[in-house]
Each structure stands twice: as C-alpha cells, then as structure tokens.
PDB file of N, CA and C in Angstrom:
ATOM      1  N   UNK A   1       1.050  21.545  25.092  1.00  0.00           N
ATOM      2  CA  UNK A   1       1.002  21.886  23.698  1.00  0.00           C
ATOM      3  C   UNK A   1       0.364  20.716  22.931  1.00  0.00           C
ATOM      4  N   UNK A   2      -0.609  20.996  22.053  1.00  0.00           N
ATOM      5  CA  UNK A   2      -1.255  19.912  21.318  1.00  0.00           C
ATOM      6  C   UNK A   2      -0.306  19.278  20.298  1.00  0.00           C
ATOM      7  N   UNK A   3      -0.517  18.016  20.070  1.00  0.00           N
ATOM      8  CA  UNK A   3       0.259  17.285  19.072  1.00  0.00           C
ATOM      9  C   UNK A   3      -0.633  17.101  17.855  1.00  0.00           C
ATOM     10  N   UNK A   4      -0.133  17.463  16.693  1.00  0.00           N
ATOM     11  CA  UNK A   4      -0.903  17.333  15.457  1.00  0.00           C
ATOM     12  C   UNK A   4      -0.356  16.181  14.642  1.00  0.00           C
ATOM     13  N   UNK A   5      -1.247  15.298  14.250  1.00  0.00           N
ATOM     14  CA  UNK A   5      -0.887  14.195  13.371  1.00  0.00           C
ATOM     15  C   UNK A   5      -1.494  14.469  12.016  1.00  0.00           C
ATOM     16  N   UNK A   6      -0.733  14.338  10.997  1.00  0.00           N
ATOM     17  CA  UNK A   6      -1.233  14.544   9.650  1.00  0.00           C
ATOM     18  C   UNK A   6      -1.734  13.215   9.116  1.00  0.00           C
ATOM     19  N   UNK A   7      -3.020  13.137   8.892  1.00  0.00           N
ATOM     20  CA  UNK A   7      -3.604  11.908   8.348  1.00  0.00           C
ATOM     21  C   UNK A   7      -3.453  11.909   6.838  1.00  0.00           C
ATOM     22  N   UNK A   8      -3.066  10.791   6.284  1.00  0.00           N
ATOM     23  CA  UNK A   8      -2.881  10.677   4.843  1.00  0.00           C
ATOM     24  C   UNK A   8      -3.631   9.455   4.328  1.00  0.00           C
ATOM     25  N   UNK A   9      -4.186   9.619   3.157  1.00  0.00           N
ATOM     26  CA  UNK A   9      -4.760   8.459   2.478  1.00  0.00           C
ATOM     27  C   UNK A   9      -3.603   7.656   1.893  1.00  0.00           C
ATOM     28  N   UNK A  10      -3.737   6.364   1.878  1.00  0.00           N
ATOM     29  CA  UNK A  10      -2.695   5.485   1.374  1.00  0.00           C
ATOM     30  C   UNK A  10      -3.316   4.605   0.293  1.00  0.00           C
ATOM     31  N   UNK A  11      -3.085   4.935  -0.947  1.00  0.00           N
ATOM     32  CA  UNK A  11      -3.666   4.183  -2.049  1.00  0.00           C
ATOM     33  C   UNK A  11      -2.677   3.131  -2.526  1.00  0.00           C
ATOM     34  N   UNK A  12      -3.135   1.894  -2.537  1.00  0.00           N
ATOM     35  CA  UNK A  12      -2.275   0.801  -2.987  1.00  0.00           C
ATOM     36  C   UNK A  12      -3.118  -0.255  -3.650  1.00  0.00           C
ATOM     37  N   UNK A  13      -2.454  -1.161  -4.345  1.00  0.00           N
ATOM     38  CA  UNK A  13      -3.155  -2.281  -4.957  1.00  0.00           C
ATOM     39  C   UNK A  13      -2.363  -3.564  -4.724  1.00  0.00           C
ATOM     40  N   UNK A  14      -3.095  -4.647  -4.558  1.00  0.00           N
ATOM     41  CA  UNK A  14      -2.484  -5.972  -4.426  1.00  0.00           C
ATOM     42  C   UNK A  14      -2.367  -6.570  -5.819  1.00  0.00           C
ATOM     43  N   UNK A  15      -1.179  -7.068  -6.135  1.00  0.00           N
ATOM     44  CA  UNK A  15      -0.930  -7.679  -7.436  1.00  0.00           C
ATOM     45  C   UNK A  15      -0.330  -9.059  -7.225  1.00  0.00           C
ATOM     46  N   UNK A  16      -0.579  -9.978  -8.156  1.00  0.00           N
ATOM     47  CA  UNK A  16       0.096 -11.277  -8.062  1.00  0.00           C
ATOM     48  C   UNK A  16       1.604 -11.080  -8.210  1.00  0.00           C
ATOM     49  N   UNK A  17       2.363 -11.729  -7.362  1.00  0.00           N
ATOM     50  CA  UNK A  17       3.818 -11.608  -7.425  1.00  0.00           C
ATOM     51  C   UNK A  17       4.346 -12.124  -8.764  1.00  0.00           C
ATOM     52  N   UNK A  18       3.725 -13.190  -9.236  1.00  0.00           N
ATOM     53  CA  UNK A  18       4.104 -13.735 -10.537  1.00  0.00           C
ATOM     54  C   UNK A  18       3.709 -12.716 -11.612  1.00  0.00           C
ATOM     55  N   UNK A  19       4.638 -12.334 -12.403  1.00  0.00           N
ATOM     56  CA  UNK A  19       4.349 -11.366 -13.450  1.00  0.00           C
ATOM     57  C   UNK A  19       4.690  -9.936 -13.074  1.00  0.00           C
ATOM     58  N   UNK A  20       4.936  -9.667 -11.780  1.00  0.00           N
ATOM     59  CA  UNK A  20       5.336  -8.319 -11.370  1.00  0.00           C
ATOM     60  C   UNK A  20       6.843  -8.204 -11.497  1.00  0.00           C
ATOM     61  N   UNK A  21       7.273  -7.080 -12.043  1.00  0.00           N
ATOM     62  CA  UNK A  21       8.714  -6.824 -12.113  1.00  0.00           C
ATOM     63  C   UNK A  21       8.949  -5.319 -12.154  1.00  0.00           C
ATOM     64  N   UNK A  22      10.119  -4.928 -11.727  1.00  0.00           N
ATOM     65  CA  UNK A  22      10.531  -3.533 -11.828  1.00  0.00           C
ATOM     66  C   UNK A  22      11.042  -3.334 -13.252  1.00  0.00           C
ATOM     67  N   UNK A  23      10.599  -2.283 -13.898  1.00  0.00           N
ATOM     68  CA  UNK A  23      10.969  -2.033 -15.292  1.00  0.00           C
ATOM     69  C   UNK A  23      12.394  -1.521 -15.402  1.00  0.00           C
ATOM     70  N   UNK A  24      12.779  -0.639 -14.498  1.00  0.00           N
ATOM     71  CA  UNK A  24      14.150  -0.120 -14.525  1.00  0.00           C
ATOM     72  C   UNK A  24      14.739  -0.156 -13.123  1.00  0.00           C
ATOM     73  N   UNK A  25      15.995  -0.436 -13.057  1.00  0.00           N
ATOM     74  CA  UNK A  25      16.716  -0.386 -11.794  1.00  0.00           C
ATOM     75  C   UNK A  25      16.367  -1.508 -10.830  1.00  0.00           C
ATOM     76  N   UNK A  26      17.069  -1.503  -9.729  1.00  0.00           N
ATOM     77  CA  UNK A  26      16.863  -2.474  -8.662  1.00  0.00           C
ATOM     78  C   UNK A  26      16.649  -1.702  -7.368  1.00  0.00           C
ATOM     79  N   UNK A  27      15.503  -1.872  -6.732  1.00  0.00           N
ATOM     80  CA  UNK A  27      15.239  -1.117  -5.510  1.00  0.00           C
ATOM     81  C   UNK A  27      16.051  -1.640  -4.331  1.00  0.00           C
ATOM     82  N   UNK A  28      16.244  -0.777  -3.364  1.00  0.00           N
ATOM     83  CA  UNK A  28      16.809  -1.195  -2.082  1.00  0.00           C
ATOM     84  C   UNK A  28      15.698  -1.903  -1.312  1.00  0.00           C
ATOM     85  N   UNK A  29      16.063  -2.768  -0.389  1.00  0.00           N
ATOM     86  CA  UNK A  29      15.078  -3.501   0.407  1.00  0.00           C
ATOM     87  C   UNK A  29      15.384  -3.360   1.887  1.00  0.00           C
ATOM     88  N   UNK A  30      14.307  -3.436   2.688  1.00  0.00           N
ATOM     89  CA  UNK A  30      14.479  -3.432   4.133  1.00  0.00           C
ATOM     90  C   UNK A  30      13.465  -4.390   4.736  1.00  0.00           C
ATOM     91  N   UNK A  31      13.952  -5.287   5.593  1.00  0.00           N
ATOM     92  CA  UNK A  31      13.113  -6.214   6.347  1.00  0.00           C
ATOM     93  C   UNK A  31      13.585  -6.170   7.792  1.00  0.00           C
ATOM     94  N   UNK A  32      12.651  -5.949   8.710  1.00  0.00           N
ATOM     95  CA  UNK A  32      13.047  -5.935  10.121  1.00  0.00           C
ATOM     96  C   UNK A  32      13.481  -7.335  10.539  1.00  0.00           C
ATOM     97  N   UNK A  33      14.624  -7.419  11.167  1.00  0.00           N
ATOM     98  CA  UNK A  33      15.152  -8.714  11.595  1.00  0.00           C
ATOM     99  C   UNK A  33      14.648  -9.116  12.971  1.00  0.00           C
ATOM    100  N   UNK A  34      14.005  -8.199  13.682  1.00  0.00           N
ATOM    101  CA  UNK A  34      13.551  -8.489  15.039  1.00  0.00           C
ATOM    102  C   UNK A  34      12.107  -8.977  15.097  1.00  0.00           C
ATOM    103  N   UNK A  35      11.462  -9.145  13.958  1.00  0.00           N
ATOM    104  CA  UNK A  35      10.066  -9.591  13.916  1.00  0.00           C
ATOM    105  C   UNK A  35       9.928 -10.871  13.115  1.00  0.00           C
ATOM    106  N   UNK A  36       9.138 -11.791  13.623  1.00  0.00           N
ATOM    107  CA  UNK A  36       8.805 -12.972  12.837  1.00  0.00           C
ATOM    108  C   UNK A  36       7.792 -12.568  11.772  1.00  0.00           C
ATOM    109  N   UNK A  37       7.963 -13.068  10.574  1.00  0.00           N
ATOM    110  CA  UNK A  37       7.015 -12.766   9.511  1.00  0.00           C
ATOM    111  C   UNK A  37       7.000 -11.307   9.094  1.00  0.00           C
ATOM    112  N   UNK A  38       8.137 -10.645   9.185  1.00  0.00           N
ATOM    113  CA  UNK A  38       8.196  -9.222   8.848  1.00  0.00           C
ATOM    114  C   UNK A  38       8.012  -8.988   7.354  1.00  0.00           C
ATOM    115  N   UNK A  39       7.423  -7.854   7.022  1.00  0.00           N
ATOM    116  CA  UNK A  39       7.258  -7.431   5.644  1.00  0.00           C
ATOM    117  C   UNK A  39       8.601  -6.985   5.094  1.00  0.00           C
ATOM    118  N   UNK A  40       8.742  -7.028   3.782  1.00  0.00           N
ATOM    119  CA  UNK A  40       9.917  -6.466   3.127  1.00  0.00           C
ATOM    120  C   UNK A  40       9.457  -5.270   2.315  1.00  0.00           C
ATOM    121  N   UNK A  41      10.058  -4.137   2.553  1.00  0.00           N
ATOM    122  CA  UNK A  41       9.721  -2.925   1.807  1.00  0.00           C
ATOM    123  C   UNK A  41      10.809  -2.667   0.774  1.00  0.00           C
ATOM    124  N   UNK A  42      10.375  -2.299  -0.416  1.00  0.00           N
ATOM    125  CA  UNK A  42      11.304  -1.941  -1.481  1.00  0.00           C
ATOM    126  C   UNK A  42      11.138  -0.453  -1.755  1.00  0.00           C
ATOM    127  N   UNK A  43      12.253   0.223  -1.946  1.00  0.00           N
ATOM    128  CA  UNK A  43      12.216   1.669  -2.121  1.00  0.00           C
ATOM    129  C   UNK A  43      13.388   2.120  -2.967  1.00  0.00           C
ATOM    130  N   UNK A  44      13.273   3.329  -3.486  1.00  0.00           N
ATOM    131  CA  UNK A  44      14.369   3.907  -4.267  1.00  0.00           C
ATOM    132  C   UNK A  44      15.490   4.277  -3.323  1.00  0.00           C
ATOM    133  N   UNK A  45      16.664   3.748  -3.593  1.00  0.00           N
ATOM    134  CA  UNK A  45      17.816   3.994  -2.718  1.00  0.00           C
ATOM    135  C   UNK A  45      18.259   5.452  -2.752  1.00  0.00           C
ATOM    136  N   UNK A  46      18.017   6.141  -3.855  1.00  0.00           N
ATOM    137  CA  UNK A  46      18.493   7.522  -3.981  1.00  0.00           C
ATOM    138  C   UNK A  46      17.653   8.523  -3.202  1.00  0.00           C
ATOM    139  N   UNK A  47      16.345   8.242  -3.048  1.00  0.00           N
ATOM    140  CA  UNK A  47      15.487   9.232  -2.372  1.00  0.00           C
ATOM    141  C   UNK A  47      14.606   8.638  -1.275  1.00  0.00           C
ATOM    142  N   UNK A  48      14.543   7.317  -1.180  1.00  0.00           N
ATOM    143  CA  UNK A  48      13.755   6.674  -0.133  1.00  0.00           C
ATOM    144  C   UNK A  48      12.280   6.498  -0.457  1.00  0.00           C
ATOM    145  N   UNK A  49      11.868   6.795  -1.692  1.00  0.00           N
ATOM    146  CA  UNK A  49      10.466   6.660  -2.070  1.00  0.00           C
ATOM    147  C   UNK A  49      10.035   5.195  -2.010  1.00  0.00           C
ATOM    148  N   UNK A  50       9.002   4.919  -1.222  1.00  0.00           N
ATOM    149  CA  UNK A  50       8.463   3.565  -1.059  1.00  0.00           C
ATOM    150  C   UNK A  50       7.770   3.154  -2.352  1.00  0.00           C
ATOM    151  N   UNK A  51       8.076   1.960  -2.830  1.00  0.00           N
ATOM    152  CA  UNK A  51       7.508   1.472  -4.082  1.00  0.00           C
ATOM    153  C   UNK A  51       6.589   0.279  -3.832  1.00  0.00           C
ATOM    154  N   UNK A  52       7.128  -0.742  -3.183  1.00  0.00           N
ATOM    155  CA  UNK A  52       6.440  -2.023  -3.046  1.00  0.00           C
ATOM    156  C   UNK A  52       6.643  -2.580  -1.651  1.00  0.00           C
ATOM    157  N   UNK A  53       5.641  -3.316  -1.174  1.00  0.00           N
ATOM    158  CA  UNK A  53       5.783  -4.117   0.045  1.00  0.00           C
ATOM    159  C   UNK A  53       5.568  -5.568  -0.351  1.00  0.00           C
ATOM    160  N   UNK A  54       6.465  -6.412   0.073  1.00  0.00           N
ATOM    161  CA  UNK A  54       6.337  -7.854  -0.176  1.00  0.00           C
ATOM    162  C   UNK A  54       5.872  -8.510   1.121  1.00  0.00           C
ATOM    163  N   UNK A  55       4.874  -9.358   0.989  1.00  0.00           N
ATOM    164  CA  UNK A  55       4.254 -10.004   2.139  1.00  0.00           C
ATOM    165  C   UNK A  55       4.835 -11.401   2.324  1.00  0.00           C
ATOM    166  N   UNK A  56       5.217 -11.756   3.550  1.00  0.00           N
ATOM    167  CA  UNK A  56       5.753 -13.099   3.768  1.00  0.00           C
ATOM    168  C   UNK A  56       4.659 -14.143   3.572  1.00  0.00           C
ATOM    169  N   UNK A  57       5.008 -15.230   2.932  1.00  0.00           N
ATOM    170  CA  UNK A  57       4.100 -16.362   2.753  1.00  0.00           C
ATOM    171  C   UNK A  57       2.853 -16.024   1.937  1.00  0.00           C
ATOM    172  N   UNK A  58       2.902 -14.978   1.126  1.00  0.00           N
ATOM    173  CA  UNK A  58       1.776 -14.639   0.236  1.00  0.00           C
ATOM    174  C   UNK A  58       2.339 -14.312  -1.131  1.00  0.00           C
ATOM    175  N   UNK A  59       1.753 -14.858  -2.163  1.00  0.00           N
ATOM    176  CA  UNK A  59       2.257 -14.623  -3.519  1.00  0.00           C
ATOM    177  C   UNK A  59       1.741 -13.315  -4.115  1.00  0.00           C
ATOM    178  N   UNK A  60       1.800 -12.248  -3.325  1.00  0.00           N
ATOM    179  CA  UNK A  60       1.302 -10.949  -3.770  1.00  0.00           C
ATOM    180  C   UNK A  60       2.289  -9.859  -3.394  1.00  0.00           C
ATOM    181  N   UNK A  61       2.231  -8.756  -4.126  1.00  0.00           N
ATOM    182  CA  UNK A  61       2.982  -7.568  -3.757  1.00  0.00           C
ATOM    183  C   UNK A  61       1.979  -6.437  -3.564  1.00  0.00           C
ATOM    184  N   UNK A  62       2.303  -5.520  -2.676  1.00  0.00           N
ATOM    185  CA  UNK A  62       1.486  -4.342  -2.431  1.00  0.00           C
ATOM    186  C   UNK A  62       2.197  -3.189  -3.131  1.00  0.00           C
ATOM    187  N   UNK A  63       1.574  -2.663  -4.170  1.00  0.00           N
ATOM    188  CA  UNK A  63       2.175  -1.601  -4.976  1.00  0.00           C
ATOM    189  C   UNK A  63       1.538  -0.267  -4.638  1.00  0.00           C
ATOM    190  N   UNK A  64       2.352   0.734  -4.344  1.00  0.00           N
ATOM    191  CA  UNK A  64       1.855   2.092  -4.112  1.00  0.00           C
ATOM    192  C   UNK A  64       1.330   2.634  -5.436  1.00  0.00           C
ATOM    193  N   UNK A  65       0.089   3.045  -5.475  1.00  0.00           N
ATOM    194  CA  UNK A  65      -0.555   3.491  -6.709  1.00  0.00           C
ATOM    195  C   UNK A  65       0.158   4.697  -7.318  1.00  0.00           C
ATOM    196  N   UNK A  66       0.689   5.564  -6.510  1.00  0.00           N
ATOM    197  CA  UNK A  66       1.390   6.733  -7.019  1.00  0.00           C
ATOM    198  C   UNK A  66       2.624   6.402  -7.831  1.00  0.00           C
ATOM    199  N   UNK A  67       3.075   5.157  -7.801  1.00  0.00           N
ATOM    200  CA  UNK A  67       4.245   4.745  -8.577  1.00  0.00           C
ATOM    201  C   UNK A  67       3.864   4.375 -10.010  1.00  0.00           C
ATOM    202  N   UNK A  68       2.579   4.275 -10.312  1.00  0.00           N
ATOM    203  CA  UNK A  68       2.141   3.904 -11.656  1.00  0.00           C
ATOM    204  C   UNK A  68       2.304   5.078 -12.617  1.00  0.00           C
ATOM    205  N   UNK A  69       2.567   4.770 -13.890  1.00  0.00           N
ATOM    206  CA  UNK A  69       2.676   5.822 -14.905  1.00  0.00           C
ATOM    207  C   UNK A  69       1.356   6.562 -15.066  1.00  0.00           C
ATOM    208  N   UNK A  70       0.243   5.821 -15.030  1.00  0.00           N
ATOM    209  CA  UNK A  70      -1.080   6.433 -15.184  1.00  0.00           C
ATOM    210  C   UNK A  70      -2.008   5.842 -14.133  1.00  0.00           C
ATOM    211  N   UNK A  71      -1.951   6.349 -12.893  1.00  0.00           N
ATOM    212  CA  UNK A  71      -2.756   5.773 -11.812  1.00  0.00           C
ATOM    213  C   UNK A  71      -4.248   5.758 -12.094  1.00  0.00           C
ATOM    214  N   UNK A  72      -4.775   6.792 -12.726  1.00  0.00           N
ATOM    215  CA  UNK A  72      -6.219   6.854 -12.973  1.00  0.00           C
ATOM    216  C   UNK A  72      -6.679   5.700 -13.864  1.00  0.00           C
ATOM    217  N   UNK A  73      -5.882   5.360 -14.838  1.00  0.00           N
ATOM    218  CA  UNK A  73      -6.245   4.268 -15.746  1.00  0.00           C
ATOM    219  C   UNK A  73      -6.034   2.905 -15.104  1.00  0.00           C
ATOM    220  N   UNK A  74      -4.932   2.739 -14.409  1.00  0.00           N
ATOM    221  CA  UNK A  74      -4.568   1.437 -13.852  1.00  0.00           C
ATOM    222  C   UNK A  74      -5.291   1.109 -12.560  1.00  0.00           C
ATOM    223  N   UNK A  75      -5.823   2.101 -11.885  1.00  0.00           N
ATOM    224  CA  UNK A  75      -6.388   1.897 -10.556  1.00  0.00           C
ATOM    225  C   UNK A  75      -7.901   2.069 -10.544  1.00  0.00           C
ATOM    226  N   UNK A  76      -8.524   1.934 -11.690  1.00  0.00           N
ATOM    227  CA  UNK A  76      -9.967   2.162 -11.785  1.00  0.00           C
ATOM    228  C   UNK A  76     -10.786   0.940 -11.380  1.00  0.00           C
ATOM    229  N   UNK A  77     -10.135  -0.120 -11.016  1.00  0.00           N
ATOM    230  CA  UNK A  77     -10.838  -1.355 -10.667  1.00  0.00           C
ATOM    231  C   UNK A  77     -11.443  -1.292  -9.268  1.00  0.00           C
ATOM    232  N   UNK A  78     -11.864  -2.425  -8.767  1.00  0.00           N
ATOM    233  CA  UNK A  78     -12.501  -2.563  -7.459  1.00  0.00           C
ATOM    234  C   UNK A  78     -11.675  -1.910  -6.348  1.00  0.00           C
ATOM    235  N   UNK A  79     -12.344  -1.182  -5.481  1.00  0.00           N
ATOM    236  CA  UNK A  79     -11.657  -0.526  -4.371  1.00  0.00           C
ATOM    237  C   UNK A  79     -12.405  -0.798  -3.067  1.00  0.00           C
ATOM    238  N   UNK A  80     -11.646  -0.856  -1.981  1.00  0.00           N
ATOM    239  CA  UNK A  80     -12.220  -0.924  -0.646  1.00  0.00           C
ATOM    240  C   UNK A  80     -11.500   0.105   0.214  1.00  0.00           C
ATOM    241  N   UNK A  81     -12.116   0.482   1.297  1.00  0.00           N
ATOM    242  CA  UNK A  81     -11.501   1.401   2.258  1.00  0.00           C
ATOM    243  C   UNK A  81     -11.269   0.619   3.542  1.00  0.00           C
ATOM    244  N   UNK A  82     -10.004   0.578   3.985  1.00  0.00           N
ATOM    245  CA  UNK A  82      -9.670  -0.108   5.230  1.00  0.00           C
ATOM    246  C   UNK A  82      -9.176   0.920   6.242  1.00  0.00           C
ATOM    247  N   UNK A  83      -9.202   0.531   7.494  1.00  0.00           N
ATOM    248  CA  UNK A  83      -8.807   1.381   8.618  1.00  0.00           C
ATOM    249  C   UNK A  83      -9.611   2.683   8.631  1.00  0.00           C
ATOM    250  N   UNK A  84     -10.908   2.560   8.341  1.00  0.00           N
ATOM    251  CA  UNK A  84     -11.774   3.736   8.384  1.00  0.00           C
ATOM    252  C   UNK A  84     -11.966   4.240   9.815  1.00  0.00           C
ATOM    253  N   UNK A  85     -11.540   3.469  10.789  1.00  0.00           N
ATOM    254  CA  UNK A  85     -11.595   3.915  12.181  1.00  0.00           C
ATOM    255  C   UNK A  85     -10.777   5.208  12.343  1.00  0.00           C
ATOM    256  N   UNK A  86      -9.788   5.419  11.473  1.00  0.00           N
ATOM    257  CA  UNK A  86      -8.947   6.608  11.525  1.00  0.00           C
ATOM    258  C   UNK A  86      -9.383   7.696  10.540  1.00  0.00           C
ATOM    259  N   UNK A  87     -10.512   7.499   9.884  1.00  0.00           N
ATOM    260  CA  UNK A  87     -10.992   8.441   8.863  1.00  0.00           C
ATOM    261  C   UNK A  87     -11.219   9.823   9.475  1.00  0.00           C
ATOM    262  N   UNK A  88     -10.776  10.837   8.753  1.00  0.00           N
ATOM    263  CA  UNK A  88     -10.963  12.217   9.156  1.00  0.00           C
ATOM    264  C   UNK A  88     -12.119  12.835   8.364  1.00  0.00           C
ATOM    265  N   UNK A  89     -12.628  13.955   8.811  1.00  0.00           N
ATOM    266  CA  UNK A  89     -13.763  14.602   8.146  1.00  0.00           C
ATOM    267  C   UNK A  89     -13.479  14.930   6.683  1.00  0.00           C
ATOM    268  N   UNK A  90     -12.244  15.189   6.345  1.00  0.00           N
ATOM    269  CA  UNK A  90     -11.904  15.561   4.975  1.00  0.00           C
ATOM    270  C   UNK A  90     -11.659  14.370   4.054  1.00  0.00           C
ATOM    271  N   UNK A  91     -11.646  13.158   4.596  1.00  0.00           N
ATOM    272  CA  UNK A  91     -11.487  11.970   3.755  1.00  0.00           C
ATOM    273  C   UNK A  91     -12.798  11.648   3.059  1.00  0.00           C
ATOM    274  N   UNK A  92     -12.715  11.388   1.777  1.00  0.00           N
ATOM    275  CA  UNK A  92     -13.896  11.037   0.990  1.00  0.00           C
ATOM    276  C   UNK A  92     -13.701   9.616   0.475  1.00  0.00           C
ATOM    277  N   UNK A  93     -14.656   8.769   0.761  1.00  0.00           N
ATOM    278  CA  UNK A  93     -14.608   7.387   0.294  1.00  0.00           C
ATOM    279  C   UNK A  93     -15.636   7.258  -0.821  1.00  0.00           C
ATOM    280  N   UNK A  94     -15.210   6.679  -1.930  1.00  0.00           N
ATOM    281  CA  UNK A  94     -16.070   6.562  -3.096  1.00  0.00           C
ATOM    282  C   UNK A  94     -17.374   5.832  -2.797  1.00  0.00           C
ATOM    283  N   UNK A  95     -18.434   6.278  -3.435  1.00  0.00           N
ATOM    284  CA  UNK A  95     -19.756   5.681  -3.246  1.00  0.00           C
ATOM    285  C   UNK A  95     -19.727   4.210  -3.638  1.00  0.00           C
ATOM    286  N   UNK A  96     -20.271   3.380  -2.788  1.00  0.00           N
ATOM    287  CA  UNK A  96     -20.345   1.954  -3.057  1.00  0.00           C
ATOM    288  C   UNK A  96     -19.106   1.164  -2.677  1.00  0.00           C
ATOM    289  N   UNK A  97     -18.046   1.834  -2.271  1.00  0.00           N
ATOM    290  CA  UNK A  97     -16.828   1.113  -1.886  1.00  0.00           C
ATOM    291  C   UNK A  97     -17.045   0.457  -0.528  1.00  0.00           C
ATOM    292  N   UNK A  98     -16.777  -0.844  -0.404  1.00  0.00           N
ATOM    293  CA  UNK A  98     -16.890  -1.497   0.902  1.00  0.00           C
ATOM    294  C   UNK A  98     -15.925  -0.839   1.898  1.00  0.00           C
ATOM    295  N   UNK A  99     -16.391  -0.664   3.137  1.00  0.00           N
ATOM    296  CA  UNK A  99     -15.591   0.006   4.160  1.00  0.00           C
ATOM    297  C   UNK A  99     -15.384  -0.917   5.358  1.00  0.00           C
ATOM    298  N   UNK A 100     -14.171  -0.879   5.906  1.00  0.00           N
ATOM    299  CA  UNK A 100     -13.819  -1.709   7.055  1.00  0.00           C
ATOM    300  C   UNK A 100     -13.069  -0.847   8.067  1.00  0.00           C
ATOM    301  N   UNK A 101     -13.462  -0.934   9.338  1.00  0.00           N
ATOM    302  CA  UNK A 101     -12.755  -0.167  10.365  1.00  0.00           C
ATOM    303  C   UNK A 101     -11.292  -0.575  10.462  1.00  0.00           C
ATOM    304  N   UNK A 102     -11.019  -1.828  10.230  1.00  0.00           N
ATOM    305  CA  UNK A 102      -9.642  -2.326  10.230  1.00  0.00           C
ATOM    306  C   UNK A 102      -9.507  -3.235   9.018  1.00  0.00           C
ATOM    307  N   UNK A 103      -8.719  -4.275   9.076  1.00  0.00           N
ATOM    308  CA  UNK A 103      -8.605  -5.198   7.948  1.00  0.00           C
ATOM    309  C   UNK A 103      -9.818  -6.109   7.884  1.00  0.00           C
ATOM    310  N   UNK A 104     -10.327  -6.400   6.694  1.00  0.00           N
ATOM    311  CA  UNK A 104     -11.444  -7.331   6.585  1.00  0.00           C
ATOM    312  C   UNK A 104     -10.995  -8.759   6.887  1.00  0.00           C
ATOM    313  N   UNK A 105     -11.937  -9.584   7.289  1.00  0.00           N
ATOM    314  CA  UNK A 105     -11.638 -10.992   7.544  1.00  0.00           C
ATOM    315  C   UNK A 105     -11.288 -11.680   6.244  1.00  0.00           C
ATOM    316  N   UNK A 106     -10.257 -12.514   6.282  1.00  0.00           N
ATOM    317  CA  UNK A 106      -9.915 -13.327   5.092  1.00  0.00           C
ATOM    318  C   UNK A 106     -10.931 -14.444   4.987  1.00  0.00           C
ATOM    319  N   UNK A 107     -11.286 -14.756   3.768  1.00  0.00           N
ATOM    320  CA  UNK A 107     -12.251 -15.827   3.642  1.00  0.00           C
ATOM    321  C   UNK A 107     -12.353 -16.360   2.334  1.00  0.00           C
TER     322      UNK A 107
END
C-alpha cells in the first residue's frame, strides 16, 4: 500500500530576540533533553498551536507567520525558499526569491 506524505509550506520569519515579546499569555515550552543544542518550541498550551522556536546560542526567534495579526502586511519583506529539494509541483516560489535545496551557508 502506498504511503502518502502531505507536503506543507512553512512560512516563518527570523526576528531579533531583543524586542520580541508575547502580547498576551505565556506559552508552554518544550526542549528535548536528549539533544545537545536542542531548539525550544513555544506553543499554546490549550491547543498545541506552534508559535515560536528559540534557537540556542542565537539572539533570534523563529516566528510562524500565521501567528501574525496581518501576515500580508508584516511578511512583505525579503523572502527566501529553503529545502526546495522537497518542493512539490504545486508549490509556487515567488519570482526573484533566492532558492536553496537545504539551508544556505552562513556567512
């Protein structure tokens, strides 16, 4: 029997940790204890909706764009496409957006 995987686009933005705050409430957090340098994920405790990922040793947070009040207005800045190696025929990448099969080299 074939196995079907549902591919999803994952829209997020990197923000400076300084100046970022949750406006209401306090999210639940989860960090794997069995990994060195594990990420910390923050999510709504009532429904499990992922909000933010905190990166170890980096002064940035990864914010899920769908959590913004007005994603179209707030997310209109520079965009790149990563992990295009998994791109499906129905995925559309904006014209002129830099594309990377995996993560781009830091530099």
